[in-house]
Amino acid sequence: MDMIIDFFVWPDVTFPVTFLILASALFQDTLYAVLIAIAGVTLMRRRFERNSHRLVRRIGQEAPRVSILAPAYNEAETVVDCTRALLRQNHSNYEVIVINDGSSDDTLNRLVRAFDLKPADRECSDRLDFAPVRGVYHRPGPVPLWVIDKVNGGKADALNAGIAHASGSLFCAIDADSLLEADALIRTSQPFLDNPDTAAVAGTVRVANGCRLREGAVEEAGLPRRFLPLVQSLEYLRAFLVARFALSELGALMIVSGAFGMFDRSRVVEVGGYDPSTVGEDAELIVRLHRDGRDSDRPTAVRFIPEPVCWTQVPERLSDLAGQRRRWQRGALETLWRHRDAALRPGYGLPGTLGLGSMIVIDVIGPCLEVLGYVLAFLLAVTGQISWNWFAALFALVCSFGFLLSASAILLQEIELRRTASLKAISQLLFAAAVENFGYRQLSNIWRFAGTLDFLKGSKHWGQIKRSAFDTTDAPT
């Protein structure tokens, strides 16, 4: 105890340590500022086909066959709406495969009733391992719908089952509580036609809480009324439009969100599919694809394009959000640990240096140091080693910088993509950008710090998020 007291009355050591720790928060914000600049310049210079119907006509019959894979575990509240949205894509050649991963609720029965599914046989590849399949159901039509009913094995295992049953040269992995916009599939498949070295493509994921649906599609985009999902809308904007877009342009994108991503099926099968032993299966697969490309001297492109949009439900309860963020942190650390021999090695190019390096800064060092910095600075103020004015000034600096970065991301979205509907919606996002720095940012870092402890303890807990039915105006079967 005396050693602890001595530490806080020794300002020659404590003050610079605390200052350096809190400076890590500013360093993270500076990194985001650089990424915003890269994303902004790239968005202003690039051109894309705003009219999806012209894009469909231009690509036409060249469009490769795509298998949409939607793993579902206890998603009875949302799975029918999401499947309807998947069946309404502006793509000439695709199929939908829903994988019921041993749900204990009414997921399978609702699918069978809503789409009049019948038992069927389906060819299956034996190149990937997955839990036993109990049955296959099918509805023929212009867009074939398949449901694979299998023993529970986790999301990665369910995706491997879907890949093994897929007929497309590309597959699109999404969450069963997510909704694809009608042009998402055709836009996401375009980079595979433009560049044969493309292994994976990510699109934008936006928050569906607060949106109104009609027949499985987002009829009216809106922002959530509750603060918790509202601030997550802002987080998703920063993560996708800024961070992932910029890293993609630099050739260092290391994650394609499990909620929405398209892959070259043969490349994924070659590296062994998804790894069921990690909760970060989405990031781990991308790192493995990058490494395989480097090890085999095979060009490997992983792209992010902002125009294709997937809508997903986010947690509305604090306990659900805490569990999700702890799991994400654990997944990132599992990926970094498994591929630690590639991190910061020039031999693995920008994916190994910048890609994995940014994960180390943001996912490993950042949360731990920022939490520790706030605690130390507070204790220094309490013991009189620094003034409360100094503590408040440093806190205000971190918060102001964070707000400016969020405001820049919102402005970038409006100028280039025109995605927010009204001035009121922009004001709501700016409000969230200001308020999140006073409690939410710190809480988020505490959750990530707790996720780090979970990783060190070897926790394998996945957790379950409570889902709600979408706000639907009309949902005929």
Protein backbone atom coordinates (compact mmCIF):
# COMPACT_ATOMS: atom_id res chain seq x y z
CA MET A 1 0.00 0.00 0.00
CA ASP A 2 2.86 2.38 0.84
CA MET A 3 4.30 1.80 -2.64
CA ILE A 4 1.01 2.88 -4.22
CA ILE A 5 0.91 6.04 -2.10
CA ASP A 6 4.55 6.78 -2.89
CA PHE A 7 3.79 6.49 -6.61
CA PHE A 8 1.14 9.19 -6.45
CA VAL A 9 3.30 11.59 -4.46
CA TRP A 10 6.20 11.25 -6.91
CA PRO A 11 5.14 13.66 -9.66
CA ASP A 12 8.46 13.46 -11.53
CA VAL A 13 7.46 9.95 -12.61
CA THR A 14 3.68 9.93 -12.35
CA PHE A 15 2.95 13.08 -14.32
CA PRO A 16 4.89 12.18 -17.48
CA VAL A 17 3.60 8.59 -17.37
CA THR A 18 0.01 9.82 -17.13
CA PHE A 19 0.56 12.42 -19.85
CA LEU A 20 2.01 9.83 -22.23
CA ILE A 21 -0.83 7.44 -21.53
CA LEU A 22 -3.52 10.03 -22.21
CA ALA A 23 -1.58 11.14 -25.28
CA SER A 24 -2.37 7.69 -26.69
CA ALA A 25 -6.01 8.77 -26.97
CA LEU A 26 -4.94 11.77 -29.04
CA PHE A 27 -2.70 9.51 -31.12
CA GLN A 28 -5.68 7.30 -31.99
CA ASP A 29 -7.66 10.39 -32.95
CA THR A 30 -4.74 11.62 -35.05
CA LEU A 31 -4.67 8.27 -36.84
CA TYR A 32 -8.39 8.65 -37.58
CA ALA A 33 -7.77 12.18 -38.86
CA VAL A 34 -5.25 10.83 -41.37
CA LEU A 35 -7.72 8.13 -42.43
CA ILE A 36 -10.47 10.75 -42.86
CA ALA A 37 -8.19 12.78 -45.12
CA ILE A 38 -7.39 9.73 -47.24
CA ALA A 39 -11.06 8.71 -47.44
CA GLY A 40 -12.15 12.25 -48.34
CA VAL A 41 -9.62 12.69 -51.13
CA THR A 42 -10.43 9.24 -52.55
CA LEU A 43 -14.19 9.80 -52.45
CA MET A 44 -13.88 13.12 -54.26
CA ARG A 45 -11.66 11.63 -56.98
CA ARG A 46 -13.47 8.36 -57.60
CA ARG A 47 -16.45 7.89 -59.84
CA PHE A 48 -19.16 5.33 -59.47
CA GLU A 49 -22.40 4.47 -61.22
CA ARG A 50 -25.11 6.13 -59.09
CA ASN A 51 -27.90 4.53 -61.13
CA SER A 52 -28.00 0.83 -60.24
CA HIS A 53 -30.25 -0.01 -63.20
CA ARG A 54 -27.60 1.28 -65.62
CA LEU A 55 -25.04 -0.74 -63.70
CA VAL A 56 -27.16 -3.88 -64.13
CA ARG A 57 -27.48 -3.25 -67.88
CA ARG A 58 -23.75 -2.57 -68.22
CA ILE A 59 -22.64 -5.69 -66.37
CA GLY A 60 -25.51 -7.76 -67.79
CA GLN A 61 -24.79 -11.43 -68.30
CA GLU A 62 -21.16 -11.00 -67.23
CA ALA A 63 -22.31 -10.97 -63.62
CA PRO A 64 -20.92 -14.06 -61.87
CA ARG A 65 -23.25 -16.36 -59.98
CA VAL A 66 -23.48 -15.38 -56.32
CA SER A 67 -24.65 -17.50 -53.40
CA ILE A 68 -25.96 -15.42 -50.48
CA LEU A 69 -25.23 -17.22 -47.20
CA ALA A 70 -27.23 -16.19 -44.14
CA PRO A 71 -26.45 -18.15 -40.94
CA ALA A 72 -29.34 -17.98 -38.48
CA TYR A 73 -29.39 -18.94 -34.81
CA ASN A 74 -32.59 -18.07 -32.92
CA GLU A 75 -33.50 -15.29 -35.39
CA ALA A 76 -37.25 -16.01 -35.54
CA GLU A 77 -38.16 -12.33 -35.10
CA THR A 78 -36.22 -11.08 -38.12
CA VAL A 79 -35.34 -13.98 -40.42
CA VAL A 80 -38.44 -13.80 -42.66
CA ASP A 81 -38.08 -10.05 -43.36
CA CYS A 82 -34.39 -10.46 -44.04
CA THR A 83 -34.94 -13.37 -46.41
CA ARG A 84 -37.54 -11.36 -48.35
CA ALA A 85 -34.99 -8.59 -48.82
CA LEU A 86 -32.44 -11.11 -50.07
CA LEU A 87 -34.89 -12.34 -52.72
CA ARG A 88 -35.28 -8.82 -54.19
CA GLN A 89 -31.77 -8.15 -55.44
CA ASN A 90 -31.12 -6.44 -58.80
CA HIS A 91 -28.85 -9.25 -59.89
CA SER A 92 -29.46 -11.64 -62.74
CA ASN A 93 -27.75 -14.74 -61.36
CA TYR A 94 -27.88 -15.60 -57.67
CA GLU A 95 -29.35 -17.91 -55.04
CA VAL A 96 -30.17 -17.52 -51.35
CA ILE A 97 -29.06 -20.08 -48.76
CA VAL A 98 -30.22 -19.66 -45.16
CA ILE A 99 -28.36 -21.91 -42.71
CA ASN A 100 -30.40 -22.70 -39.59
CA ASP A 101 -27.63 -23.39 -37.08
CA GLY A 102 -29.56 -25.57 -34.63
CA SER A 103 -31.94 -22.82 -33.50
CA SER A 104 -33.98 -23.59 -30.39
CA ASP A 105 -36.74 -21.12 -31.31
CA ASP A 106 -39.18 -21.01 -34.25
CA THR A 107 -36.65 -19.89 -36.90
CA LEU A 108 -36.96 -22.98 -39.13
CA ASN A 109 -40.75 -23.28 -38.89
CA ARG A 110 -41.27 -19.61 -39.75
CA LEU A 111 -39.10 -19.96 -42.84
CA VAL A 112 -40.91 -23.12 -43.97
CA ARG A 113 -44.34 -21.52 -43.52
CA ALA A 114 -43.50 -18.09 -44.98
CA PHE A 115 -41.90 -19.44 -48.17
CA ASP A 116 -43.71 -22.78 -48.57
CA LEU A 117 -40.44 -24.72 -48.44
CA LYS A 118 -40.30 -28.41 -49.33
CA PRO A 119 -37.71 -31.06 -48.37
CA ALA A 120 -35.08 -31.50 -51.09
CA ASP A 121 -31.68 -32.96 -51.92
CA ARG A 122 -28.65 -30.76 -52.50
CA GLU A 123 -25.12 -31.49 -53.69
CA CYS A 124 -22.48 -30.81 -51.09
CA SER A 125 -18.70 -30.43 -51.32
CA ASP A 126 -16.59 -32.44 -48.88
CA ARG A 127 -13.64 -29.99 -48.81
CA LEU A 128 -14.82 -28.20 -45.66
CA ASP A 129 -15.80 -29.63 -42.28
CA PHE A 130 -18.99 -28.64 -40.44
CA ALA A 131 -21.57 -30.05 -38.02
CA PRO A 132 -24.06 -32.64 -39.39
CA VAL A 133 -26.90 -31.47 -41.63
CA ARG A 134 -30.36 -32.61 -40.47
CA GLY A 135 -32.29 -31.58 -43.56
CA VAL A 136 -32.44 -29.39 -46.67
CA TYR A 137 -35.48 -27.38 -47.79
CA HIS A 138 -36.06 -25.65 -51.12
CA ARG A 139 -38.33 -23.25 -52.96
CA PRO A 140 -37.68 -23.10 -56.73
CA GLY A 141 -38.12 -19.94 -58.74
CA PRO A 142 -36.19 -17.20 -60.55
CA VAL A 143 -34.20 -16.81 -57.33
CA PRO A 144 -33.83 -20.24 -55.72
CA LEU A 145 -34.21 -20.29 -51.94
CA TRP A 146 -32.50 -23.01 -49.92
CA VAL A 147 -32.59 -23.62 -46.18
CA ILE A 148 -29.94 -25.88 -44.63
CA ASP A 149 -31.00 -27.20 -41.22
CA LYS A 150 -27.98 -28.37 -39.24
CA VAL A 151 -26.72 -29.17 -35.77
CA ASN A 152 -25.46 -26.10 -33.92
CA GLY A 153 -21.78 -25.45 -34.52
CA GLY A 154 -21.47 -21.67 -34.39
CA LYS A 155 -21.48 -18.98 -37.06
CA ALA A 156 -18.19 -19.99 -38.73
CA ASP A 157 -19.30 -23.62 -38.89
CA ALA A 158 -22.65 -22.58 -40.41
CA LEU A 159 -20.88 -20.48 -43.06
CA ASN A 160 -18.68 -23.44 -43.96
CA ALA A 161 -21.83 -25.53 -44.43
CA GLY A 162 -23.26 -22.82 -46.68
CA ILE A 163 -20.06 -22.62 -48.75
CA ALA A 164 -20.09 -26.40 -49.19
CA HIS A 165 -23.68 -26.29 -50.50
CA ALA A 166 -23.24 -23.14 -52.64
CA SER A 167 -23.22 -23.18 -56.44
CA GLY A 168 -21.90 -19.64 -57.04
CA SER A 169 -18.32 -18.75 -57.87
CA LEU A 170 -18.79 -15.92 -55.36
CA PHE A 171 -20.56 -16.02 -52.03
CA CYS A 172 -21.96 -13.16 -49.98
CA ALA A 173 -21.91 -13.74 -46.22
CA ILE A 174 -24.42 -11.75 -44.19
CA ASP A 175 -26.10 -11.95 -40.79
CA ALA A 176 -29.65 -13.27 -40.74
CA ASP A 177 -30.78 -10.09 -38.95
CA SER A 178 -29.46 -7.91 -41.78
CA LEU A 179 -31.13 -6.41 -44.85
CA LEU A 180 -29.42 -5.85 -48.20
CA GLU A 181 -30.43 -2.90 -50.37
CA ALA A 182 -31.64 -4.00 -53.80
CA ASP A 183 -28.46 -2.98 -55.63
CA ALA A 184 -26.02 -4.25 -52.98
CA LEU A 185 -25.24 -7.55 -54.69
CA ILE A 186 -24.55 -6.14 -58.16
CA ARG A 187 -22.37 -3.34 -56.76
CA THR A 188 -20.36 -5.66 -54.53
CA SER A 189 -19.73 -8.13 -57.36
CA GLN A 190 -18.38 -5.42 -59.70
CA PRO A 191 -14.79 -5.35 -58.25
CA PHE A 192 -14.45 -9.08 -58.99
CA LEU A 193 -15.10 -8.32 -62.67
CA ASP A 194 -12.76 -5.33 -62.68
CA ASN A 195 -9.87 -7.17 -61.00
CA PRO A 196 -9.49 -10.99 -61.12
CA ASP A 197 -7.10 -10.82 -58.13
CA THR A 198 -9.95 -9.71 -55.85
CA ALA A 199 -10.44 -12.17 -52.98
CA ALA A 200 -12.99 -10.26 -50.89
CA VAL A 201 -15.10 -7.10 -51.01
CA ALA A 202 -16.74 -5.29 -48.10
CA GLY A 203 -19.68 -2.92 -48.30
CA THR A 204 -21.17 -0.41 -45.89
CA VAL A 205 -23.11 -1.63 -42.85
CA ARG A 206 -25.68 0.81 -41.44
CA VAL A 207 -27.96 0.68 -38.42
CA ALA A 208 -31.51 -0.51 -39.14
CA ASN A 209 -32.95 0.50 -35.76
CA GLY A 210 -35.31 3.39 -36.50
CA CYS A 211 -35.90 2.47 -40.16
CA ARG A 212 -39.30 1.53 -41.58
CA LEU A 213 -39.64 -1.57 -43.76
CA ARG A 214 -42.05 -2.61 -46.49
CA GLU A 215 -41.98 -6.16 -47.83
CA GLY A 216 -38.50 -6.85 -46.54
CA ALA A 217 -36.88 -3.63 -47.81
CA VAL A 218 -36.02 -0.34 -46.12
CA GLU A 219 -38.79 2.01 -47.24
CA GLU A 220 -37.83 4.93 -45.00
CA ALA A 221 -34.34 5.33 -43.56
CA GLY A 222 -34.29 6.88 -40.13
CA LEU A 223 -32.11 7.21 -37.07
CA PRO A 224 -32.81 5.35 -33.82
CA ARG A 225 -34.77 7.23 -31.16
CA ARG A 226 -32.72 5.78 -28.29
CA PHE A 227 -29.25 7.08 -27.55
CA LEU A 228 -27.46 3.72 -27.43
CA PRO A 229 -28.30 2.64 -31.02
CA LEU A 230 -27.94 6.28 -32.17
CA VAL A 231 -24.32 6.49 -31.03
CA GLN A 232 -23.68 3.13 -32.69
CA SER A 233 -24.92 4.67 -35.97
CA LEU A 234 -22.12 7.19 -35.59
CA GLU A 235 -19.59 4.47 -34.79
CA TYR A 236 -20.56 2.48 -37.88
CA LEU A 237 -20.21 5.63 -40.01
CA ARG A 238 -16.67 6.22 -38.73
CA ALA A 239 -15.67 2.58 -39.02
CA PHE A 240 -16.89 1.98 -42.57
CA LEU A 241 -16.84 5.26 -44.47
CA VAL A 242 -13.58 6.40 -42.88
CA ALA A 243 -11.36 3.67 -41.41
CA ARG A 244 -12.11 0.72 -43.68
CA PHE A 245 -12.38 2.78 -46.84
CA ALA A 246 -9.02 4.46 -46.22
CA LEU A 247 -7.26 1.21 -45.28
CA SER A 248 -8.74 -0.40 -48.40
CA GLU A 249 -7.27 2.34 -50.59
CA LEU A 250 -3.89 1.76 -48.93
CA GLY A 251 -4.09 -2.00 -49.56
CA ALA A 252 -4.16 -2.77 -45.83
CA LEU A 253 -7.80 -3.69 -45.09
CA MET A 254 -7.76 -6.53 -42.56
CA ILE A 255 -11.46 -7.10 -41.89
CA VAL A 256 -14.58 -7.65 -43.96
CA SER A 257 -17.55 -7.39 -41.61
CA GLY A 258 -19.38 -10.61 -40.85
CA ALA A 259 -22.61 -8.68 -41.40
CA PHE A 260 -21.89 -8.11 -45.10
CA GLY A 261 -19.05 -9.24 -47.33
CA MET A 262 -18.51 -10.97 -50.68
CA PHE A 263 -15.79 -13.54 -51.35
CA ASP A 264 -14.21 -15.58 -54.11
CA ARG A 265 -15.46 -19.02 -53.06
CA SER A 266 -12.51 -20.97 -54.49
CA ARG A 267 -9.99 -18.76 -52.65
CA VAL A 268 -11.78 -19.26 -49.34
CA VAL A 269 -12.00 -23.03 -49.82
CA GLU A 270 -8.28 -23.15 -50.66
CA VAL A 271 -7.37 -21.60 -47.29
CA GLY A 272 -9.71 -23.93 -45.37
CA GLY A 273 -12.84 -21.81 -44.96
CA TYR A 274 -13.84 -20.10 -41.75
CA ASP A 275 -12.18 -21.10 -38.47
CA PRO A 276 -14.87 -22.18 -35.95
CA SER A 277 -12.45 -21.97 -33.02
CA THR A 278 -12.37 -18.14 -32.97
CA VAL A 279 -15.10 -15.57 -32.34
CA GLY A 280 -13.32 -13.24 -34.78
CA GLU A 281 -13.84 -15.49 -37.79
CA ASP A 282 -14.37 -12.56 -40.18
CA ALA A 283 -11.05 -10.82 -39.49
CA GLU A 284 -9.14 -14.09 -39.13
CA LEU A 285 -10.22 -15.23 -42.61
CA ILE A 286 -9.08 -11.96 -44.21
CA VAL A 287 -5.67 -12.14 -42.55
CA ARG A 288 -5.34 -15.74 -43.76
CA LEU A 289 -6.24 -14.72 -47.32
CA HIS A 290 -3.62 -11.97 -47.24
CA ARG A 291 -0.99 -14.36 -45.87
CA ASP A 292 -1.81 -17.04 -48.42
CA GLY A 293 -1.39 -14.50 -51.20
CA ARG A 294 1.99 -13.39 -49.88
CA ASP A 295 3.23 -16.92 -49.13
CA SER A 296 2.23 -18.19 -52.60
CA ASP A 297 3.29 -15.00 -54.40
CA ARG A 298 -0.29 -14.55 -55.60
CA PRO A 299 -1.76 -11.04 -55.82
CA THR A 300 -4.62 -10.67 -53.34
CA ALA A 301 -6.93 -7.65 -53.29
CA VAL A 302 -9.35 -6.99 -50.42
CA ARG A 303 -11.57 -4.01 -51.21
CA PHE A 304 -14.11 -1.81 -49.50
CA ILE A 305 -16.66 0.13 -51.56
CA PRO A 306 -19.09 2.46 -49.78
CA GLU A 307 -22.11 2.35 -52.12
CA PRO A 308 -23.55 -1.14 -51.44
CA VAL A 309 -25.40 -0.94 -48.14
CA CYS A 310 -26.48 -3.58 -45.65
CA TRP A 311 -28.80 -2.65 -42.78
CA THR A 312 -28.38 -4.46 -39.48
CA GLN A 313 -29.94 -4.34 -36.03
CA VAL A 314 -27.64 -3.19 -33.25
CA PRO A 315 -28.02 -3.84 -29.51
CA GLU A 316 -30.40 -1.57 -27.62
CA ARG A 317 -29.57 -2.90 -24.15
CA LEU A 318 -26.35 -1.93 -22.40
CA SER A 319 -25.64 -5.52 -21.35
CA ASP A 320 -26.00 -6.76 -24.95
CA LEU A 321 -23.70 -4.05 -26.27
CA ALA A 322 -21.11 -4.75 -23.57
CA GLY A 323 -21.09 -8.44 -24.47
CA GLN A 324 -20.79 -7.69 -28.18
CA ARG A 325 -17.86 -5.31 -27.74
CA ARG A 326 -16.05 -7.68 -25.40
CA ARG A 327 -16.49 -10.44 -28.00
CA TRP A 328 -15.24 -8.20 -30.83
CA GLN A 329 -12.17 -7.30 -28.78
CA ARG A 330 -11.49 -10.94 -27.99
CA GLY A 331 -11.86 -11.85 -31.68
CA ALA A 332 -9.40 -9.15 -32.75
CA LEU A 333 -6.85 -10.30 -30.17
CA GLU A 334 -7.29 -13.96 -31.15
CA THR A 335 -6.58 -13.00 -34.76
CA LEU A 336 -3.52 -10.95 -33.85
CA TRP A 337 -2.15 -13.71 -31.62
CA ARG A 338 -2.60 -16.43 -34.24
CA HIS A 339 -0.89 -14.32 -36.89
CA ARG A 340 1.65 -12.58 -34.65
CA ASP A 341 4.50 -13.86 -36.82
CA ALA A 342 3.15 -11.74 -39.71
CA ALA A 343 2.55 -8.54 -37.71
CA LEU A 344 4.87 -5.63 -38.53
CA ARG A 345 6.94 -7.80 -40.89
CA PRO A 346 7.86 -6.02 -44.16
CA GLY A 347 7.74 -9.39 -45.92
CA TYR A 348 3.96 -9.31 -45.59
CA GLY A 349 3.75 -5.86 -47.15
CA LEU A 350 1.20 -3.27 -46.11
CA PRO A 351 -1.26 -5.87 -44.76
CA GLY A 352 1.38 -7.03 -42.27
CA THR A 353 2.82 -3.63 -41.38
CA LEU A 354 0.04 -1.05 -41.66
CA GLY A 355 -2.95 -3.42 -41.47
CA LEU A 356 -1.95 -5.54 -38.48
CA GLY A 357 0.00 -2.59 -37.04
CA SER A 358 -3.14 -0.43 -36.89
CA MET A 359 -4.98 -3.31 -35.21
CA ILE A 360 -2.25 -3.44 -32.55
CA VAL A 361 -2.52 0.31 -31.92
CA ILE A 362 -6.33 0.52 -31.98
CA ASP A 363 -7.33 -2.86 -30.52
CA VAL A 364 -4.50 -3.73 -28.14
CA ILE A 365 -2.63 -0.66 -26.94
CA GLY A 366 -5.27 2.05 -27.27
CA PRO A 367 -8.09 0.84 -24.98
CA CYS A 368 -5.77 -0.34 -22.21
CA LEU A 369 -3.69 2.84 -22.14
CA GLU A 370 -6.66 5.20 -22.35
CA VAL A 371 -8.49 3.51 -19.46
CA LEU A 372 -5.31 3.48 -17.38
CA GLY A 373 -4.63 7.12 -18.27
CA TYR A 374 -8.02 8.33 -17.08
CA VAL A 375 -7.66 6.42 -13.81
CA LEU A 376 -4.15 7.74 -13.14
CA ALA A 377 -5.04 11.33 -14.05
CA PHE A 378 -8.08 11.21 -11.76
CA LEU A 379 -6.02 9.84 -8.87
CA LEU A 380 -3.34 12.48 -9.45
CA ALA A 381 -5.99 15.18 -9.26
CA VAL A 382 -7.46 13.66 -6.08
CA THR A 383 -4.02 13.52 -4.41
CA GLY A 384 -3.22 17.07 -5.49
CA GLN A 385 -0.33 16.20 -7.81
CA ILE A 386 -2.07 17.93 -10.70
CA SER A 387 -4.79 20.55 -10.66
CA TRP A 388 -8.36 19.72 -11.55
CA ASN A 389 -8.10 22.45 -14.20
CA TRP A 390 -5.26 20.53 -15.88
CA PHE A 391 -7.29 17.32 -15.76
CA ALA A 392 -10.36 19.08 -17.20
CA ALA A 393 -8.30 20.76 -19.93
CA LEU A 394 -6.77 17.48 -21.08
CA PHE A 395 -10.16 15.75 -21.00
CA ALA A 396 -11.69 18.61 -23.01
CA LEU A 397 -8.90 18.38 -25.58
CA VAL A 398 -9.51 14.66 -26.14
CA CYS A 399 -13.29 15.19 -26.35
CA SER A 400 -13.01 18.16 -28.74
CA PHE A 401 -10.71 16.28 -31.09
CA GLY A 402 -13.04 13.28 -31.05
CA PHE A 403 -16.05 15.48 -31.85
CA LEU A 404 -14.29 17.17 -34.78
CA LEU A 405 -13.39 13.80 -36.27
CA SER A 406 -16.97 12.55 -35.99
CA ALA A 407 -18.32 15.78 -37.48
CA SER A 408 -15.88 15.42 -40.38
CA ALA A 409 -17.11 11.89 -41.05
CA ILE A 410 -20.74 13.08 -41.04
CA LEU A 411 -19.87 15.92 -43.44
CA LEU A 412 -18.02 13.52 -45.72
CA GLN A 413 -21.05 11.23 -45.86
CA GLU A 414 -23.36 14.09 -46.79
CA ILE A 415 -21.12 15.63 -49.46
CA GLU A 416 -20.17 12.44 -51.25
CA LEU A 417 -22.87 9.83 -50.59
CA ARG A 418 -25.92 11.92 -49.60
CA ARG A 419 -27.13 9.23 -47.23
CA THR A 420 -28.75 11.16 -44.35
CA ALA A 421 -32.31 12.24 -45.04
CA SER A 422 -32.68 15.59 -43.28
CA LEU A 423 -31.09 18.41 -41.31
CA LYS A 424 -32.75 16.94 -38.22
CA ALA A 425 -30.95 13.63 -38.77
CA ILE A 426 -27.61 15.41 -39.18
CA SER A 427 -28.29 17.33 -35.97
CA GLN A 428 -29.01 14.07 -34.16
CA LEU A 429 -25.70 12.59 -35.30
CA LEU A 430 -23.83 15.73 -34.26
CA PHE A 431 -25.52 15.54 -30.86
CA ALA A 432 -24.36 11.95 -30.49
CA ALA A 433 -20.86 12.99 -31.57
CA ALA A 434 -20.72 15.54 -28.76
CA VAL A 435 -22.30 13.46 -26.01
CA GLU A 436 -20.47 10.18 -26.68
CA ASN A 437 -17.22 11.66 -25.35
CA PHE A 438 -18.73 12.16 -21.88
CA GLY A 439 -19.11 8.60 -20.67
CA TYR A 440 -19.77 6.42 -23.71
CA ARG A 441 -16.24 6.59 -25.11
CA GLN A 442 -14.79 5.72 -21.72
CA LEU A 443 -17.31 2.92 -21.21
CA SER A 444 -16.52 1.51 -24.66
CA ASN A 445 -12.83 1.40 -23.80
CA ILE A 446 -13.61 -0.32 -20.49
CA TRP A 447 -15.56 -3.01 -22.40
CA ARG A 448 -12.63 -3.50 -24.75
CA PHE A 449 -10.26 -3.67 -21.79
CA ALA A 450 -12.56 -6.32 -20.28
CA GLY A 451 -12.47 -8.16 -23.62
CA THR A 452 -8.68 -8.14 -23.38
CA LEU A 453 -8.93 -9.77 -19.96
CA ASP A 454 -11.38 -12.34 -21.40
CA PHE A 455 -8.82 -13.17 -24.08
CA LEU A 456 -6.04 -13.56 -21.52
CA LYS A 457 -8.28 -15.90 -19.48
CA GLY A 458 -9.08 -17.98 -22.58
CA SER A 459 -12.83 -17.29 -22.54
CA LYS A 460 -14.84 -18.86 -25.40
CA HIS A 461 -18.25 -17.40 -24.52
CA TRP A 462 -20.19 -16.06 -27.53
CA GLY A 463 -23.29 -14.51 -25.96
CA GLN A 464 -26.76 -13.86 -27.35
CA ILE A 465 -28.22 -10.47 -28.31
CA LYS A 466 -31.94 -9.90 -27.87
CA ARG A 467 -33.52 -9.11 -31.26
CA SER A 468 -36.73 -7.22 -31.97
CA ALA A 469 -38.99 -7.43 -34.99
CA PHE A 470 -38.36 -4.75 -37.62
CA ASP A 471 -40.75 -1.79 -37.91
CA THR A 472 -42.76 -3.12 -40.84
CA THR A 473 -45.64 -1.41 -42.65
CA ASP A 474 -46.52 -4.33 -44.88
CA ALA A 475 -45.13 -7.83 -44.93
CA PRO A 476 -47.10 -10.20 -47.16
CA THR A 477 -45.77 -13.70 -47.71
